[in-house]
Protein backbone atom coordinates (compact mmCIF):
# COMPACT_ATOMS: atom_id res chain seq x y z
CA MET A 1 47.45 -52.48 66.41
CA SER A 2 46.64 -52.38 62.86
CA ALA A 3 49.66 -50.95 61.85
CA VAL A 4 52.87 -51.68 63.95
CA ILE A 5 53.42 -54.53 61.35
CA SER A 6 50.50 -53.43 58.96
CA HIS A 7 52.80 -54.43 55.85
CA LEU A 8 53.48 -57.81 57.09
CA ARG A 9 51.52 -59.27 54.17
CA GLU A 10 53.71 -56.96 51.51
CA THR A 11 56.69 -58.11 53.38
CA TRP A 12 56.18 -61.10 54.40
CA HIS A 13 59.70 -61.98 54.13
CA GLY A 14 59.81 -60.83 57.54
CA VAL A 15 57.44 -63.23 59.10
CA HIS A 16 59.15 -65.77 57.09
CA ALA A 17 62.59 -64.71 58.22
CA ILE A 18 61.12 -65.06 61.93
CA ILE A 19 59.51 -68.44 61.44
CA THR A 20 62.79 -69.91 59.86
CA GLU A 21 64.33 -68.62 62.95
CA ILE A 22 61.78 -69.79 64.73
CA THR A 23 62.24 -73.74 64.33
CA ARG A 24 65.99 -73.52 63.75
CA ALA A 25 66.57 -72.71 66.96
CA SER A 26 64.38 -75.35 69.17
CA ALA A 27 65.09 -73.69 72.69
CA GLU A 28 63.25 -70.50 71.65
CA PHE A 29 60.75 -72.61 69.58
CA LYS A 30 59.54 -74.35 72.60
CA ALA A 31 59.13 -71.10 74.52
CA ILE A 32 57.49 -69.34 71.77
CA MET A 33 55.22 -72.49 71.54
CA LYS A 34 54.54 -72.01 75.30
CA ARG A 35 53.76 -68.26 75.33
CA ILE A 36 51.38 -68.66 72.11
CA THR A 37 49.32 -71.83 73.74
CA SER A 38 48.97 -69.93 77.16
CA PRO A 39 46.80 -66.53 76.45
CA GLU A 40 46.42 -64.24 79.04
CA MET A 41 44.25 -61.39 79.79
CA PRO A 42 45.21 -57.66 78.90
CA PRO A 43 47.18 -55.85 81.84
CA SER A 44 45.83 -53.35 83.89
CA ASP A 45 48.29 -51.32 83.52
CA PRO A 46 49.18 -51.13 79.54
CA THR A 47 51.46 -48.33 78.28
CA ILE A 48 49.37 -45.48 76.84
CA SER A 49 49.19 -44.31 73.45
CA PHE A 50 49.65 -40.99 71.76
CA TRP A 51 45.87 -41.54 70.55
CA GLN A 52 44.61 -41.80 73.89
CA VAL A 53 45.52 -38.65 75.72
CA ASP A 54 43.07 -36.11 75.73
CA PRO A 55 40.21 -38.05 74.38
CA HIS A 56 37.17 -36.44 73.10
CA HIS A 57 34.50 -38.02 74.85
CA PRO A 58 36.42 -38.52 78.37
CA LYS A 59 32.99 -40.28 79.64
CA LEU A 60 33.27 -42.57 77.11
CA VAL A 61 36.69 -43.75 78.45
CA ASP A 62 35.39 -45.97 81.47
CA ILE A 63 31.54 -46.00 80.60
CA ARG A 64 29.93 -48.40 82.60
CA SER A 65 25.98 -48.75 83.76
CA GLU A 66 25.34 -48.85 87.42
CA ASN A 67 24.66 -52.46 86.70
CA LEU A 68 25.19 -54.65 83.72
CA PRO A 69 21.91 -55.41 81.54
CA GLU A 70 20.61 -58.96 82.70
CA THR A 71 20.19 -59.76 79.05
CA ALA A 72 21.31 -59.11 75.67
CA ASP A 73 20.18 -60.33 71.66
CA ILE A 74 24.07 -60.08 71.05
CA VAL A 75 26.97 -59.56 73.05
CA ILE A 76 30.16 -58.16 71.67
CA ILE A 77 33.33 -58.90 73.16
CA GLY A 78 35.83 -56.14 72.31
CA SER A 79 35.47 -52.11 71.69
CA GLY A 80 38.10 -51.72 68.80
CA ILE A 81 37.42 -51.20 65.11
CA SER A 82 35.78 -54.46 64.66
CA GLY A 83 33.49 -54.49 67.38
CA ALA A 84 32.36 -51.17 66.21
CA SER A 85 32.02 -52.16 62.86
CA ILE A 86 29.54 -55.05 64.10
CA ALA A 87 27.99 -53.04 66.91
CA TYR A 88 27.44 -50.40 63.25
CA THR A 89 25.98 -52.57 60.95
CA MET A 90 23.43 -54.58 63.31
CA LEU A 91 21.90 -51.58 64.86
CA SER A 92 21.80 -49.57 61.42
CA GLU A 93 20.32 -53.15 60.08
CA CYS A 94 17.78 -53.48 62.71
CA ALA A 95 16.71 -49.88 62.12
CA SER A 96 16.32 -50.16 58.58
CA LEU A 97 14.30 -53.59 59.09
CA GLY A 98 12.05 -51.66 61.68
CA ILE A 99 12.83 -54.41 64.68
CA THR A 100 15.28 -53.65 68.06
CA LYS A 101 17.90 -55.98 69.29
CA ARG A 102 19.70 -55.49 72.34
CA VAL A 103 23.53 -55.27 71.53
CA VAL A 104 26.11 -55.02 74.50
CA ILE A 105 29.68 -54.42 74.40
CA LEU A 106 31.74 -55.82 77.00
CA GLU A 107 35.37 -54.27 76.98
CA ALA A 108 37.96 -55.65 79.92
CA ARG A 109 39.49 -52.22 80.33
CA GLU A 110 39.07 -48.73 78.73
CA THR A 111 36.96 -48.29 75.27
CA CYS A 112 39.44 -48.97 72.29
CA SER A 113 42.38 -49.63 74.67
CA GLY A 114 43.65 -52.87 72.77
CA ALA A 115 45.06 -52.99 69.10
CA THR A 116 42.87 -50.38 67.38
CA GLY A 117 43.83 -47.76 69.79
CA ARG A 118 47.55 -48.59 69.49
CA ASN A 119 48.53 -48.42 65.71
CA GLY A 120 50.06 -46.37 63.65
CA GLY A 121 46.46 -45.13 61.74
CA HIS A 122 47.29 -46.27 58.42
CA ILE A 123 44.74 -47.69 56.39
CA LYS A 124 47.04 -49.03 53.65
CA CYS A 125 46.99 -52.50 51.76
CA ALA A 126 50.38 -52.69 48.97
CA PRO A 127 48.39 -53.95 46.07
CA TYR A 128 51.65 -55.85 44.83
CA ALA A 129 52.69 -57.51 48.31
CA THR A 130 49.27 -58.55 48.64
CA TYR A 131 48.25 -60.00 45.21
CA SER A 132 51.95 -61.63 45.15
CA SER A 133 51.49 -63.72 48.18
CA MET A 134 47.73 -64.66 48.28
CA LYS A 135 48.30 -65.87 44.70
CA ALA A 136 51.43 -68.23 45.71
CA ARG A 137 48.94 -69.70 48.31
CA PHE A 138 45.35 -69.66 46.49
CA GLY A 139 45.72 -69.25 42.84
CA ILE A 140 44.84 -66.00 40.54
CA GLU A 141 40.92 -65.51 41.70
CA SER A 142 41.45 -65.94 45.17
CA ALA A 143 44.16 -63.86 45.34
CA LYS A 144 42.03 -61.03 43.11
CA LYS A 145 39.14 -61.28 45.83
CA ILE A 146 41.34 -60.87 48.55
CA LEU A 147 43.00 -58.05 47.24
CA ARG A 148 39.54 -56.11 46.47
CA PHE A 149 38.62 -56.99 50.29
CA GLN A 150 41.50 -54.96 51.51
CA GLN A 151 40.81 -52.14 48.82
CA ARG A 152 37.57 -51.41 49.52
CA HIS A 153 38.06 -50.46 53.00
CA LEU A 154 39.80 -46.96 52.25
CA PRO A 155 36.45 -45.53 50.42
CA ILE A 156 34.25 -47.34 52.98
CA ILE A 157 35.91 -45.81 56.04
CA LEU A 158 36.65 -42.72 54.02
CA ASP A 159 32.60 -42.07 53.41
CA LEU A 160 31.45 -43.25 56.58
CA ALA A 161 33.64 -40.91 58.11
CA SER A 162 31.97 -38.13 56.10
CA ALA A 163 28.80 -39.42 56.49
CA GLU A 164 28.56 -39.77 60.34
CA GLY A 165 30.29 -36.71 60.58
CA LEU A 166 33.44 -37.83 62.21
CA GLU A 167 35.93 -35.21 61.21
CA ASP A 168 38.44 -35.56 64.11
CA SER A 169 39.18 -38.76 63.07
CA GLU A 170 41.58 -37.13 60.50
CA ALA A 171 40.32 -39.73 58.13
CA ARG A 172 41.95 -38.90 54.70
CA GLU A 173 43.75 -40.45 51.53
CA VAL A 174 47.33 -39.82 51.21
CA GLU A 175 50.06 -40.46 49.18
CA THR A 176 51.97 -43.32 50.55
CA VAL A 177 55.78 -44.47 49.56
CA ASP A 178 57.41 -47.49 49.87
CA MET A 179 61.51 -46.69 50.19
CA PHE A 180 63.58 -49.80 49.75
CA THR A 181 66.83 -49.87 51.27
CA ASP A 182 67.70 -53.66 50.54
CA SER A 183 68.72 -54.67 46.91
CA SER A 184 67.42 -58.23 46.99
CA ALA A 185 64.04 -56.74 48.42
CA TRP A 186 63.32 -53.99 45.61
CA GLU A 187 64.25 -56.64 42.77
CA ASN A 188 61.82 -58.65 44.48
CA ALA A 189 59.14 -55.52 44.76
CA LYS A 190 59.89 -54.58 41.42
CA ARG A 191 59.04 -58.33 40.38
CA MET A 192 55.47 -58.27 42.25
CA VAL A 193 54.61 -54.89 40.53
CA ARG A 194 54.97 -56.36 37.03
CA GLU A 195 53.22 -59.21 38.01
CA LEU A 196 50.15 -57.27 39.50
CA ARG A 197 50.06 -54.94 36.40
CA GLN A 198 49.56 -58.65 33.96
CA ASP A 199 46.99 -60.28 36.26
CA VAL A 200 45.08 -57.29 37.82
CA PRO A 201 46.07 -53.91 35.72
CA GLU A 202 43.34 -52.31 37.06
CA ALA A 203 44.87 -52.83 40.52
CA ALA A 204 48.24 -51.29 39.06
CA LEU A 205 46.90 -47.69 37.92
CA ASP A 206 48.06 -46.02 40.47
CA LEU A 207 51.44 -47.65 41.32
CA ILE A 208 54.60 -45.43 39.82
CA VAL A 209 58.08 -46.95 40.40
CA TRP A 210 60.90 -44.96 41.08
CA ASP A 211 64.81 -45.78 40.95
CA SER A 212 66.97 -45.01 43.27
CA GLU A 213 67.88 -41.53 42.40
CA ASP A 214 64.33 -40.82 40.83
CA ALA A 215 63.12 -41.53 44.16
CA ARG A 216 65.87 -39.56 46.09
CA LYS A 217 65.10 -36.06 44.36
CA GLU A 218 61.17 -36.82 44.78
CA PHE A 219 61.08 -37.68 48.03
CA GLY A 220 63.99 -36.54 49.90
CA PHE A 221 65.28 -40.37 50.80
CA SER A 222 68.91 -40.55 52.09
CA GLY A 223 71.68 -42.31 49.97
CA HIS A 224 70.21 -45.51 51.71
CA CYS A 225 67.49 -45.77 49.10
CA GLN A 226 67.50 -48.46 46.55
CA GLY A 227 64.12 -47.44 44.83
CA ALA A 228 60.54 -47.00 45.39
CA ILE A 229 57.09 -47.52 44.58
CA SER A 230 54.43 -44.70 45.21
CA TYR A 231 50.57 -45.20 45.42
CA TRP A 232 47.64 -44.20 47.14
CA ALA A 233 46.74 -45.13 50.74
CA GLY A 234 44.74 -43.43 54.11
CA ALA A 235 45.46 -42.62 57.32
CA MET A 236 43.37 -41.73 60.36
CA TRP A 237 43.25 -41.40 64.04
CA PRO A 238 42.03 -44.83 64.79
CA TYR A 239 41.04 -44.30 68.56
CA ARG A 240 39.16 -40.97 67.52
CA PHE A 241 37.36 -43.23 64.44
CA VAL A 242 35.93 -45.56 67.25
CA THR A 243 34.99 -43.31 70.08
CA GLU A 244 33.40 -40.79 67.95
CA LEU A 245 31.25 -43.78 65.93
CA TYR A 246 30.36 -44.80 69.59
CA ALA A 247 29.44 -41.51 70.76
CA SER A 248 27.04 -41.55 67.79
CA LEU A 249 25.52 -44.88 68.15
CA LEU A 250 24.67 -44.34 71.87
CA SER A 251 22.68 -41.29 71.08
CA LYS A 252 21.12 -42.86 68.32
CA TYR A 253 20.17 -45.82 69.71
CA GLY A 254 20.64 -45.51 73.58
CA SER A 255 17.81 -47.81 74.58
CA SER A 256 19.19 -50.49 72.98
CA PHE A 257 22.81 -50.06 72.46
CA PHE A 258 25.26 -50.57 75.63
CA LEU A 259 29.28 -50.03 76.28
CA GLU A 260 30.09 -51.33 79.68
CA THR A 261 34.07 -51.19 80.36
CA SER A 262 35.88 -52.66 82.99
CA ALA A 263 34.07 -55.76 82.29
CA PRO A 264 36.60 -58.69 81.49
CA VAL A 265 34.63 -61.35 80.52
CA THR A 266 36.21 -64.72 82.09
CA ASP A 267 33.78 -67.31 81.64
CA ILE A 268 31.34 -68.86 79.35
CA GLN A 269 28.77 -71.39 80.13
CA VAL A 270 25.91 -72.73 78.21
CA ASP A 271 22.72 -74.07 79.79
CA GLY A 272 19.35 -75.52 78.82
CA ASN A 273 17.91 -71.73 78.02
CA SER A 274 16.25 -72.11 74.62
CA SER A 275 16.55 -68.22 73.97
CA THR A 276 19.73 -66.98 75.75
CA PRO A 277 21.49 -70.03 76.14
CA TYR A 278 24.99 -68.41 77.25
CA LEU A 279 25.81 -67.23 80.32
CA LEU A 280 28.58 -64.38 80.48
CA ARG A 281 30.48 -64.38 83.78
CA THR A 282 32.63 -60.79 83.89
CA SER A 283 34.17 -59.18 86.97
CA ARG A 284 30.77 -56.76 87.28
CA GLY A 285 28.16 -59.35 87.23
CA SER A 286 26.89 -61.88 84.77
CA ILE A 287 24.92 -61.37 81.46
CA ARG A 288 22.85 -63.73 79.48
CA THR A 289 22.42 -63.44 75.33
CA THR A 290 21.51 -65.03 72.55
CA HIS A 291 24.58 -64.71 70.75
CA VAL A 292 28.77 -63.95 71.46
CA ILE A 293 30.84 -62.23 69.15
CA HIS A 294 34.58 -62.42 69.87
CA ALA A 295 36.35 -59.01 68.29
CA THR A 296 39.34 -59.00 70.67
CA ASP A 297 41.70 -60.05 68.48
CA SER A 298 44.73 -61.56 70.00
CA TYR A 299 42.85 -62.48 73.23
CA ALA A 300 40.17 -64.29 71.86
CA PRO A 301 42.01 -67.89 72.29
CA ASN A 302 41.28 -67.00 76.25
CA LEU A 303 37.56 -67.47 75.57
CA VAL A 304 38.05 -69.91 72.63
CA SER A 305 40.13 -73.01 73.62
CA GLY A 306 40.44 -74.63 69.59
CA LEU A 307 42.30 -71.29 68.92
CA LYS A 308 44.77 -71.84 71.22
CA GLY A 309 48.27 -71.69 69.14
CA LYS A 310 46.14 -70.80 66.20
CA LEU A 311 45.83 -67.48 66.97
CA PHE A 312 48.42 -65.42 69.10
CA PRO A 313 50.11 -61.86 69.93
CA ILE A 314 53.03 -60.30 68.10
CA ARG A 315 53.80 -56.87 70.18
CA GLY A 316 54.28 -53.68 68.02
CA HIS A 317 55.88 -50.49 69.22
CA MET A 318 55.24 -47.27 68.25
CA THR A 319 56.08 -43.53 68.57
CA ALA A 320 54.96 -39.97 68.32
CA GLN A 321 57.63 -37.80 67.12
CA LYS A 322 57.83 -33.90 66.57
CA PRO A 323 60.00 -32.58 63.71
CA GLU A 324 61.80 -29.70 63.57
CA SER A 325 60.49 -28.10 60.15
CA PHE A 326 58.89 -31.15 58.11
CA GLU A 327 55.61 -30.10 57.15
CA LEU A 328 53.16 -32.15 54.75
CA ASP A 329 49.96 -31.62 56.09
CA GLY A 330 49.30 -35.29 56.62
CA SER A 331 49.16 -35.84 52.45
CA ARG A 332 51.83 -38.51 52.75
CA SER A 333 52.92 -42.05 54.56
CA TRP A 334 56.34 -43.95 54.14
CA SER A 335 57.55 -47.42 54.58
CA MET A 336 61.21 -48.34 54.87
CA VAL A 337 61.66 -51.85 53.37
CA GLY A 338 64.92 -53.52 54.32
CA LYS A 339 66.07 -56.80 54.22
CA ARG A 340 64.18 -58.20 57.14
CA GLY A 341 61.48 -56.23 58.61
CA PHE A 342 60.09 -52.37 57.77
CA GLU A 343 59.47 -49.45 59.55
CA TYR A 344 56.30 -46.97 58.88
CA ILE A 345 55.71 -43.20 58.83
CA SER A 346 53.01 -41.06 58.58
CA GLN A 347 52.01 -37.10 59.39
CA ARG A 348 49.41 -35.60 61.30
CA PRO A 349 47.94 -33.02 59.61
CA TYR A 350 46.88 -29.27 60.58
CA SER A 351 48.93 -27.81 63.50
CA GLY A 352 50.32 -30.67 65.40
CA GLY A 353 52.29 -32.29 62.48
CA GLU A 354 53.34 -35.47 64.68
CA LEU A 355 55.62 -38.06 62.89
CA MET A 356 53.66 -41.42 63.57
CA ILE A 357 56.82 -43.83 63.59
CA GLY A 358 56.26 -47.60 64.36
CA GLY A 359 57.89 -51.02 63.38
CA GLY A 360 61.53 -52.29 64.72
CA LEU A 361 60.49 -55.75 65.47
CA PHE A 362 63.51 -57.22 64.23
CA GLN A 363 65.75 -54.64 66.69
CA SER A 364 64.72 -56.56 69.89
CA GLU A 365 67.26 -58.32 71.50
CA GLY A 366 66.01 -61.77 70.42
CA LYS A 367 65.73 -60.19 66.85
CA GLY A 368 61.58 -60.20 66.73
CA MET A 369 61.49 -63.77 68.15
CA ASP A 370 60.98 -62.30 71.76
CA GLU A 371 57.99 -60.51 70.81
CA VAL A 372 56.03 -63.23 69.86
CA GLY A 373 53.39 -64.29 72.22
CA ILE A 374 53.58 -61.18 73.97
CA TRP A 375 50.40 -60.45 76.10
CA GLN A 376 51.60 -57.78 77.55
CA ASP A 377 51.14 -53.81 76.13
CA SER A 378 52.30 -52.57 79.62
CA LYS A 379 56.14 -52.99 78.35
CA ILE A 380 58.46 -51.40 76.03
CA SER A 381 61.67 -52.63 74.31
CA ALA A 382 64.76 -50.57 74.97
CA THR A 383 66.51 -51.36 71.83
CA ILE A 384 63.66 -51.01 69.45
CA SER A 385 62.60 -47.68 71.01
CA ALA A 386 65.94 -46.26 70.75
CA TYR A 387 65.82 -47.90 67.10
CA LEU A 388 62.85 -46.05 66.19
CA ALA A 389 64.25 -42.45 67.40
CA GLY A 390 66.65 -42.71 64.84
CA ILE A 391 64.58 -43.98 61.70
CA TRP A 392 63.53 -40.55 60.29
CA PRO A 393 67.06 -38.84 59.95
CA THR A 394 68.47 -41.68 58.45
CA ALA A 395 65.71 -42.66 56.18
CA LEU A 396 65.25 -38.85 54.68
CA GLN A 397 68.09 -36.24 53.80
CA GLN A 398 67.74 -33.64 56.56
CA ASN A 399 69.93 -31.06 55.34
CA GLY A 400 70.97 -29.94 58.54
CA ALA A 401 67.63 -29.83 60.37
CA SER A 402 67.65 -31.37 64.02
CA PRO A 403 66.21 -34.76 64.15
CA PRO A 404 62.53 -35.26 65.94
CA TRP A 405 62.21 -35.44 69.44
CA VAL A 406 60.10 -38.89 70.54
CA LEU A 407 57.08 -37.32 72.53
CA GLN A 408 55.90 -40.68 73.45
CA THR A 409 56.19 -44.79 73.27
CA TRP A 410 54.11 -47.19 73.35
CA THR A 411 53.49 -51.06 72.70
CA GLY A 412 50.23 -53.19 71.37
CA CYS A 413 49.57 -56.69 70.80
CA MET A 414 48.39 -57.70 67.06
CA GLY A 415 46.83 -60.98 66.93
CA TYR A 416 48.35 -63.29 64.26
CA THR A 417 46.73 -66.28 62.79
CA VAL A 418 49.22 -69.00 61.70
CA ASP A 419 48.03 -68.81 57.80
CA LEU A 420 47.99 -64.92 57.85
CA LEU A 421 43.97 -64.46 57.27
CA PRO A 422 41.68 -63.37 59.60
CA TYR A 423 39.39 -65.59 61.74
CA VAL A 424 35.56 -64.73 60.33
CA GLY A 425 32.46 -65.99 60.84
CA LYS A 426 30.64 -68.58 62.90
CA LEU A 427 32.41 -70.64 65.40
CA SER A 428 31.54 -74.49 65.75
CA HIS A 429 31.45 -76.06 69.22
CA ASN A 430 34.34 -78.28 68.15
CA LEU A 431 36.27 -75.13 68.68
CA THR A 432 34.73 -73.17 71.44
CA GLY A 433 33.97 -76.36 73.42
CA ARG A 434 30.69 -75.11 74.14
CA LYS A 435 27.19 -76.85 72.12
CA VAL A 436 24.09 -75.33 72.64
CA LYS A 437 20.96 -77.67 72.40
CA LEU A 438 18.51 -76.29 69.52
CA SER A 439 15.68 -78.86 70.68
CA GLY A 440 13.62 -75.86 71.81
CA TRP A 441 14.49 -73.37 70.03
CA LYS A 442 11.92 -71.46 67.54
CA PRO A 443 13.12 -68.78 64.49
CA GLY A 444 11.31 -65.96 65.44
CA LYS A 445 8.59 -64.11 63.24
CA GLN A 446 10.62 -60.87 62.59
CA PRO A 447 13.05 -60.20 60.11
CA ALA A 448 16.51 -61.17 61.25
CA SER A 449 15.40 -63.19 64.05
CA ALA A 450 15.91 -66.85 62.52
CA THR A 451 19.68 -67.53 63.28
CA PRO A 452 20.17 -69.68 66.32
CA PRO A 453 22.35 -68.87 69.25
CA GLY A 454 25.65 -69.30 68.74
CA GLU A 455 29.03 -67.85 68.77
CA TRP A 456 31.13 -65.77 66.22
CA ILE A 457 34.14 -64.51 66.01
CA SER A 458 36.08 -61.42 63.74
CA ALA A 459 39.68 -61.58 64.72
CA GLY A 460 43.12 -62.54 63.62
CA PHE A 461 43.77 -59.54 61.44
CA ASN A 462 47.88 -60.24 61.31
CA GLY A 463 48.56 -56.40 61.78
CA ASP A 464 46.20 -55.25 58.99
CA GLY A 465 43.40 -54.13 60.85
CA MET A 466 42.85 -51.03 59.00
CA VAL A 467 42.26 -53.08 55.67
CA THR A 468 40.64 -56.37 56.98
CA ALA A 469 38.70 -55.39 60.35
CA TRP A 470 35.83 -53.30 59.10
CA LEU A 471 34.50 -55.49 56.70
CA SER A 472 35.12 -58.69 58.38
CA GLY A 473 32.61 -57.05 61.24
CA VAL A 474 30.64 -56.19 58.84
CA ALA A 475 30.40 -59.32 57.81
CA VAL A 476 29.82 -61.16 61.32
CA GLY A 477 26.81 -58.45 61.85
CA LEU A 478 24.86 -59.58 58.80
CA MET A 479 25.82 -63.52 59.58
CA VAL A 480 24.51 -62.87 63.03
CA LEU A 481 21.11 -61.36 61.86
CA GLY A 482 20.77 -63.85 58.76
CA GLN A 483 21.05 -61.00 56.47
CA ASP A 484 24.33 -62.29 54.73
CA ASN A 485 23.05 -63.89 51.33
CA PHE A 486 20.63 -60.71 50.69
CA GLU A 487 21.55 -58.40 47.93
CA TYR A 488 22.26 -54.97 49.08
CA GLN A 489 22.82 -51.77 47.45
CA ASP A 490 25.98 -49.73 48.27
CA GLN A 491 25.53 -47.94 51.64
CA CYS A 492 27.05 -46.09 54.13
CA GLY A 493 29.65 -48.76 55.86
CA ARG A 494 29.23 -51.50 53.64
CA PRO A 495 29.53 -52.78 49.72
CA GLY A 496 26.95 -53.76 48.05
CA GLY A 497 25.80 -57.36 46.84
CA SER A 498 25.61 -60.12 49.33
CA VAL A 499 28.23 -61.40 51.54
CA PRO A 500 29.54 -64.03 49.91
CA ASP A 501 29.82 -61.77 47.13
CA TRP A 502 32.86 -59.71 48.73
CA LEU A 503 33.96 -61.79 51.81
CA PRO A 504 37.03 -64.24 50.85
CA GLU A 505 35.64 -67.65 51.37
CA GLU A 506 39.45 -68.57 52.67
CA MET A 507 38.91 -66.25 55.97
CA LEU A 508 35.75 -67.88 57.29
CA CYS A 509 36.78 -69.68 60.79
CA SER A 510 35.98 -73.31 59.42
CA VAL A 511 37.45 -76.25 61.86
CA ALA A 512 39.11 -77.36 59.03
CA ARG A 513 40.85 -74.59 58.53
CA VAL A 514 42.04 -74.13 61.89
CA ARG A 515 43.11 -77.49 62.91
CA ARG A 516 45.29 -77.87 59.44
CA SER A 517 47.18 -74.81 60.53
CA SER A 518 50.18 -74.35 62.42
CA VAL A 519 53.36 -72.88 62.83
CA TYR A 520 55.39 -75.39 61.08
CA GLU A 521 53.05 -75.02 58.11
CA LEU A 522 53.22 -71.62 57.94
CA SER A 523 57.14 -71.71 57.69
CA ARG A 524 56.66 -74.21 54.69
CA MET A 525 54.22 -72.19 53.03
CA LEU A 526 56.60 -69.12 53.13
């Protein structure tokens, strides 16, 4: 659910507060550790998001062949934006090379029913906060590369939506405003802006810092506003973006691309078959494949045992609310940043004008700790949902207008890694527990056939999926095809250069990185 806590890197003090609380309270900590090391499958009765209602491609909601394909070159587990990116990259790259690869997506529930189909629709990187936190951890040059990686997503997604005719996804550029209600958080934000302007001035060109009085006049904020920072970001209808893209891929590559829903993968086995050594068992049968790609975000540890306790869910809450008269035609989004945590808002364009309001993590009965390690998106916190219903009239001057009414409330599970960076790339057998014998394997003569069988991952987007997941998927798709070191020109859906040119090495899912990461380390690091 890419935006329910999509500011976590920019409001990383929120994560710090949670982890600090956890480590101080041993009982709660033990309970959380038990939850995050005991992965569960997605529930069969999830809440329904606003985005999923009245789908434009109803046949894709629960699409399935009469029988699963018996074999595939690549099986992608998960049908959210990461899975869509991988499929789009691989199919289009194979077409340009003049070869065919059979690609199968296996989805446990309905198409795009996980985090992507439940988020707030923000395509937002807060450059000042991202850079400051990454600089403190990795140094200036790595922080710059991580920031650029996030900032590439908006133009690439907008260009892709235009090129592929995804108008119904409502992908657009917006003016975003971060409004601060806590004076210490505001002072820290201004410090981070100064730091960005000094170190990476080109990344701060559109940043405008507003004092409290000017921010209230310009944006209509209430007296709670201590100050604000505005800049450009994006927004879209994420479920439609993904399902429209799948419809396009099925139309173009119907003989080599299969999307199979209601097919939870319950087990992966390895045998001596040199060409398709992986056997995936699902509730609808089994399928053999050469490559397995895990794109299930928080649920990946179900099949990758080495990630238990390293990749886990935090459940987030979202609402769709109908305002009485507030109209900006979808051209603005907001974040309300407090002492602990934050909330965020966007408004749909066109006639609907619904306000998409999410956040409220720290308003749960357990002050956010009871939402960590929760694998079910089938339940809703009454205290969080009530809190979200009151955000709009609290943050903005209403001038006598009635508050918006809540149309829908839902939850989603976002995948968090303990070092707050995605897991991207090849998975070692030391993490999966499955080792393929390559003695009988030989590279193919065709292009993109030289990569030995293996397992791969694109997951753990830490609530920032809209500015990390697409290019993570592109990177994995090219890695599997053995094309990641080729120098490309800019093209639809991906940047120019080779993958190492734009993918931060800190995101690679190495055994060393996974093993040295812990919840305790996260507490010290932040």
